[in-house]
């Protein structure tokens, strides 16, 4: 007979396996991320702050 803890643990493991890697690691990007060069984005953000 399986205990309730075993069942919960199995369901949790299954849930985590289905998550995207960045979510499973705890650093999800809710915007979906970009494929652009991050330096360009950093410069644009800096210019926006200066306005």
PDB file of N, CA and C in Angstrom:
ATOM      1  N   UNK A   1       0.841  -1.180   0.000  1.00  0.00           N
ATOM      2  CA  UNK A   1       0.000   0.000   0.000  1.00  0.00           C
ATOM      3  C   UNK A   1       0.892   1.251   0.000  1.00  0.00           C
ATOM      4  N   UNK A   2       0.538   2.216  -0.817  1.00  0.00           N
ATOM      5  CA  UNK A   2       1.320   3.453  -0.867  1.00  0.00           C
ATOM      6  C   UNK A   2       0.772   4.453   0.135  1.00  0.00           C
ATOM      7  N   UNK A   3       1.676   5.194   0.714  1.00  0.00           N
ATOM      8  CA  UNK A   3       1.244   6.209   1.668  1.00  0.00           C
ATOM      9  C   UNK A   3       0.873   7.480   0.913  1.00  0.00           C
ATOM     10  N   UNK A   4       0.076   8.366   1.524  1.00  0.00           N
ATOM     11  CA  UNK A   4      -0.266   9.634   0.867  1.00  0.00           C
ATOM     12  C   UNK A   4       0.968  10.467   0.523  1.00  0.00           C
ATOM     13  N   UNK A   5       2.018  10.365   1.348  1.00  0.00           N
ATOM     14  CA  UNK A   5       3.248  11.115   1.073  1.00  0.00           C
ATOM     15  C   UNK A   5       3.922  10.628  -0.201  1.00  0.00           C
ATOM     16  N   UNK A   6       3.902   9.304  -0.435  1.00  0.00           N
ATOM     17  CA  UNK A   6       4.497   8.756  -1.652  1.00  0.00           C
ATOM     18  C   UNK A   6       3.753   9.265  -2.881  1.00  0.00           C
ATOM     19  N   UNK A   7       2.429   9.306  -2.794  1.00  0.00           N
ATOM     20  CA  UNK A   7       1.620   9.767  -3.912  1.00  0.00           C
ATOM     21  C   UNK A   7       1.878  11.244  -4.198  1.00  0.00           C
ATOM     22  N   UNK A   8       1.933  12.040  -3.152  1.00  0.00           N
ATOM     23  CA  UNK A   8       2.212  13.473  -3.313  1.00  0.00           C
ATOM     24  C   UNK A   8       3.588  13.701  -3.915  1.00  0.00           C
ATOM     25  N   UNK A   9       4.547  12.932  -3.442  1.00  0.00           N
ATOM     26  CA  UNK A   9       5.910  13.065  -3.940  1.00  0.00           C
ATOM     27  C   UNK A   9       5.979  12.690  -5.426  1.00  0.00           C
ATOM     28  N   UNK A  10       5.300  11.649  -5.819  1.00  0.00           N
ATOM     29  CA  UNK A  10       5.291  11.227  -7.222  1.00  0.00           C
ATOM     30  C   UNK A  10       4.609  12.278  -8.094  1.00  0.00           C
ATOM     31  N   UNK A  11       3.503  12.853  -7.618  1.00  0.00           N
ATOM     32  CA  UNK A  11       2.803  13.879  -8.388  1.00  0.00           C
ATOM     33  C   UNK A  11       3.663  15.143  -8.507  1.00  0.00           C
ATOM     34  N   UNK A  12       4.348  15.505  -7.432  1.00  0.00           N
ATOM     35  CA  UNK A  12       5.213  16.687  -7.463  1.00  0.00           C
ATOM     36  C   UNK A  12       6.365  16.480  -8.450  1.00  0.00           C
ATOM     37  N   UNK A  13       6.961  15.301  -8.422  1.00  0.00           N
ATOM     38  CA  UNK A  13       8.061  15.009  -9.341  1.00  0.00           C
ATOM     39  C   UNK A  13       7.578  15.078 -10.788  1.00  0.00           C
ATOM     40  N   UNK A  14       6.412  14.521 -11.060  1.00  0.00           N
ATOM     41  CA  UNK A  14       5.852  14.554 -12.405  1.00  0.00           C
ATOM     42  C   UNK A  14       5.581  15.996 -12.842  1.00  0.00           C
ATOM     43  N   UNK A  15       5.054  16.799 -11.930  1.00  0.00           N
ATOM     44  CA  UNK A  15       4.758  18.198 -12.240  1.00  0.00           C
ATOM     45  C   UNK A  15       6.033  18.961 -12.586  1.00  0.00           C
ATOM     46  N   UNK A  16       7.075  18.785 -11.805  1.00  0.00           N
ATOM     47  CA  UNK A  16       8.340  19.492 -12.034  1.00  0.00           C
ATOM     48  C   UNK A  16       8.973  19.043 -13.345  1.00  0.00           C
ATOM     49  N   UNK A  17       8.852  17.769 -13.682  1.00  0.00           N
ATOM     50  CA  UNK A  17       9.424  17.276 -14.932  1.00  0.00           C
ATOM     51  C   UNK A  17       8.747  17.896 -16.148  1.00  0.00           C
ATOM     52  N   UNK A  18       7.511  18.323 -16.003  1.00  0.00           N
ATOM     53  CA  UNK A  18       6.774  18.901 -17.118  1.00  0.00           C
ATOM     54  C   UNK A  18       7.009  20.403 -17.260  1.00  0.00           C
ATOM     55  N   UNK A  19       7.632  21.036 -16.279  1.00  0.00           N
ATOM     56  CA  UNK A  19       7.891  22.475 -16.340  1.00  0.00           C
ATOM     57  C   UNK A  19       9.053  22.774 -17.272  1.00  0.00           C
ATOM     58  N   UNK A  20       9.044  23.928 -17.912  1.00  0.00           N
ATOM     59  CA  UNK A  20      10.240  24.333 -18.669  1.00  0.00           C
ATOM     60  C   UNK A  20      11.429  24.445 -17.718  1.00  0.00           C
ATOM     61  N   UNK A  21      12.610  24.247 -18.228  1.00  0.00           N
ATOM     62  CA  UNK A  21      13.807  24.215 -17.389  1.00  0.00           C
ATOM     63  C   UNK A  21      13.963  25.487 -16.565  1.00  0.00           C
ATOM     64  N   UNK A  22      13.730  26.650 -17.165  1.00  0.00           N
ATOM     65  CA  UNK A  22      13.923  27.887 -16.408  1.00  0.00           C
ATOM     66  C   UNK A  22      12.930  28.015 -15.265  1.00  0.00           C
ATOM     67  N   UNK A  23      11.737  27.465 -15.419  1.00  0.00           N
ATOM     68  CA  UNK A  23      10.755  27.503 -14.337  1.00  0.00           C
ATOM     69  C   UNK A  23      11.149  26.531 -13.233  1.00  0.00           C
ATOM     70  N   UNK A  24      11.587  25.367 -13.617  1.00  0.00           N
ATOM     71  CA  UNK A  24      11.982  24.367 -12.628  1.00  0.00           C
ATOM     72  C   UNK A  24      13.154  24.867 -11.793  1.00  0.00           C
ATOM     73  N   UNK A  25      14.005  25.693 -12.387  1.00  0.00           N
ATOM     74  CA  UNK A  25      15.149  26.236 -11.666  1.00  0.00           C
ATOM     75  C   UNK A  25      14.785  27.452 -10.830  1.00  0.00           C
ATOM     76  N   UNK A  26      13.584  27.970 -11.014  1.00  0.00           N
ATOM     77  CA  UNK A  26      13.121  29.077 -10.195  1.00  0.00           C
ATOM     78  C   UNK A  26      13.413  30.452 -10.750  1.00  0.00           C
ATOM     79  N   UNK A  27      13.802  30.548 -12.002  1.00  0.00           N
ATOM     80  CA  UNK A  27      14.083  31.863 -12.567  1.00  0.00           C
ATOM     81  C   UNK A  27      13.301  32.058 -13.868  1.00  0.00           C
ATOM     82  N   UNK A  28      12.022  31.875 -13.779  1.00  0.00           N
ATOM     83  CA  UNK A  28      11.178  31.968 -14.972  1.00  0.00           C
ATOM     84  C   UNK A  28      11.118  33.395 -15.512  1.00  0.00           C
ATOM     85  N   UNK A  29      11.034  33.496 -16.807  1.00  0.00           N
ATOM     86  CA  UNK A  29      10.878  34.784 -17.466  1.00  0.00           C
ATOM     87  C   UNK A  29       9.441  34.854 -17.975  1.00  0.00           C
ATOM     88  N   UNK A  30       8.556  35.536 -17.257  1.00  0.00           N
ATOM     89  CA  UNK A  30       7.155  35.548 -17.655  1.00  0.00           C
ATOM     90  C   UNK A  30       6.919  36.185 -19.015  1.00  0.00           C
ATOM     91  N   UNK A  31       7.849  37.002 -19.491  1.00  0.00           N
ATOM     92  CA  UNK A  31       7.694  37.634 -20.797  1.00  0.00           C
ATOM     93  C   UNK A  31       8.079  36.681 -21.930  1.00  0.00           C
ATOM     94  N   UNK A  32       8.643  35.550 -21.589  1.00  0.00           N
ATOM     95  CA  UNK A  32       8.987  34.576 -22.607  1.00  0.00           C
ATOM     96  C   UNK A  32      10.410  34.678 -23.134  1.00  0.00           C
ATOM     97  N   UNK A  33      11.151  35.670 -22.694  1.00  0.00           N
ATOM     98  CA  UNK A  33      12.536  35.806 -23.119  1.00  0.00           C
ATOM     99  C   UNK A  33      12.654  36.347 -24.531  1.00  0.00           C
ATOM    100  N   UNK A  34      13.876  36.611 -24.928  1.00  0.00           N
ATOM    101  CA  UNK A  34      14.151  37.126 -26.267  1.00  0.00           C
ATOM    102  C   UNK A  34      15.400  36.448 -26.801  1.00  0.00           C
ATOM    103  N   UNK A  35      15.549  36.489 -28.127  1.00  0.00           N
ATOM    104  CA  UNK A  35      16.732  35.921 -28.759  1.00  0.00           C
ATOM    105  C   UNK A  35      17.737  37.003 -29.156  1.00  0.00           C
ATOM    106  N   UNK A  36      17.490  38.235 -28.730  1.00  0.00           N
ATOM    107  CA  UNK A  36      18.351  39.357 -29.099  1.00  0.00           C
ATOM    108  C   UNK A  36      19.620  39.372 -28.247  1.00  0.00           C
ATOM    109  N   UNK A  37      20.593  40.159 -28.700  1.00  0.00           N
ATOM    110  CA  UNK A  37      21.827  40.349 -27.966  1.00  0.00           C
ATOM    111  C   UNK A  37      21.523  41.118 -26.675  1.00  0.00           C
ATOM    112  N   UNK A  38      21.848  40.602 -25.513  1.00  0.00           N
ATOM    113  CA  UNK A  38      21.514  41.283 -24.267  1.00  0.00           C
ATOM    114  C   UNK A  38      22.201  42.636 -24.107  1.00  0.00           C
ATOM    115  N   UNK A  39      23.358  42.839 -24.731  1.00  0.00           N
ATOM    116  CA  UNK A  39      24.039  44.131 -24.625  1.00  0.00           C
ATOM    117  C   UNK A  39      23.211  45.236 -25.264  1.00  0.00           C
ATOM    118  N   UNK A  40      22.571  44.922 -26.376  1.00  0.00           N
ATOM    119  CA  UNK A  40      21.710  45.908 -27.037  1.00  0.00           C
ATOM    120  C   UNK A  40      20.548  46.274 -26.119  1.00  0.00           C
ATOM    121  N   UNK A  41      19.975  45.281 -25.487  1.00  0.00           N
ATOM    122  CA  UNK A  41      18.853  45.528 -24.579  1.00  0.00           C
ATOM    123  C   UNK A  41      19.306  46.339 -23.367  1.00  0.00           C
ATOM    124  N   UNK A  42      20.504  46.048 -22.853  1.00  0.00           N
ATOM    125  CA  UNK A  42      21.028  46.808 -21.716  1.00  0.00           C
ATOM    126  C   UNK A  42      21.234  48.271 -22.088  1.00  0.00           C
ATOM    127  N   UNK A  43      21.777  48.514 -23.278  1.00  0.00           N
ATOM    128  CA  UNK A  43      21.988  49.891 -23.725  1.00  0.00           C
ATOM    129  C   UNK A  43      20.660  50.622 -23.881  1.00  0.00           C
ATOM    130  N   UNK A  44      19.674  49.938 -24.456  1.00  0.00           N
ATOM    131  CA  UNK A  44      18.353  50.563 -24.640  1.00  0.00           C
ATOM    132  C   UNK A  44      17.724  50.898 -23.296  1.00  0.00           C
ATOM    133  N   UNK A  45      17.881  50.021 -22.327  1.00  0.00           N
ATOM    134  CA  UNK A  45      17.323  50.280 -20.997  1.00  0.00           C
ATOM    135  C   UNK A  45      18.017  51.466 -20.342  1.00  0.00           C
ATOM    136  N   UNK A  46      19.323  51.562 -20.517  1.00  0.00           N
ATOM    137  CA  UNK A  46      20.077  52.673 -19.961  1.00  0.00           C
ATOM    138  C   UNK A  46      19.651  53.995 -20.599  1.00  0.00           C
ATOM    139  N   UNK A  47      19.452  53.987 -21.913  1.00  0.00           N
ATOM    140  CA  UNK A  47      19.005  55.199 -22.606  1.00  0.00           C
ATOM    141  C   UNK A  47      17.611  55.594 -22.142  1.00  0.00           C
ATOM    142  N   UNK A  48      16.762  54.622 -21.893  1.00  0.00           N
ATOM    143  CA  UNK A  48      15.402  54.898 -21.447  1.00  0.00           C
ATOM    144  C   UNK A  48      15.423  55.542 -20.048  1.00  0.00           C
ATOM    145  N   UNK A  49      16.307  55.073 -19.193  1.00  0.00           N
ATOM    146  CA  UNK A  49      16.417  55.644 -17.841  1.00  0.00           C
ATOM    147  C   UNK A  49      16.911  57.085 -17.886  1.00  0.00           C
ATOM    148  N   UNK A  50      17.727  57.428 -18.876  1.00  0.00           N
ATOM    149  CA  UNK A  50      18.291  58.765 -18.957  1.00  0.00           C
ATOM    150  C   UNK A  50      17.295  59.784 -19.455  1.00  0.00           C
ATOM    151  N   UNK A  51      16.211  59.354 -20.061  1.00  0.00           N
ATOM    152  CA  UNK A  51      15.217  60.283 -20.612  1.00  0.00           C
ATOM    153  C   UNK A  51      14.388  60.915 -19.520  1.00  0.00           C
TER     154      UNK A  51
END
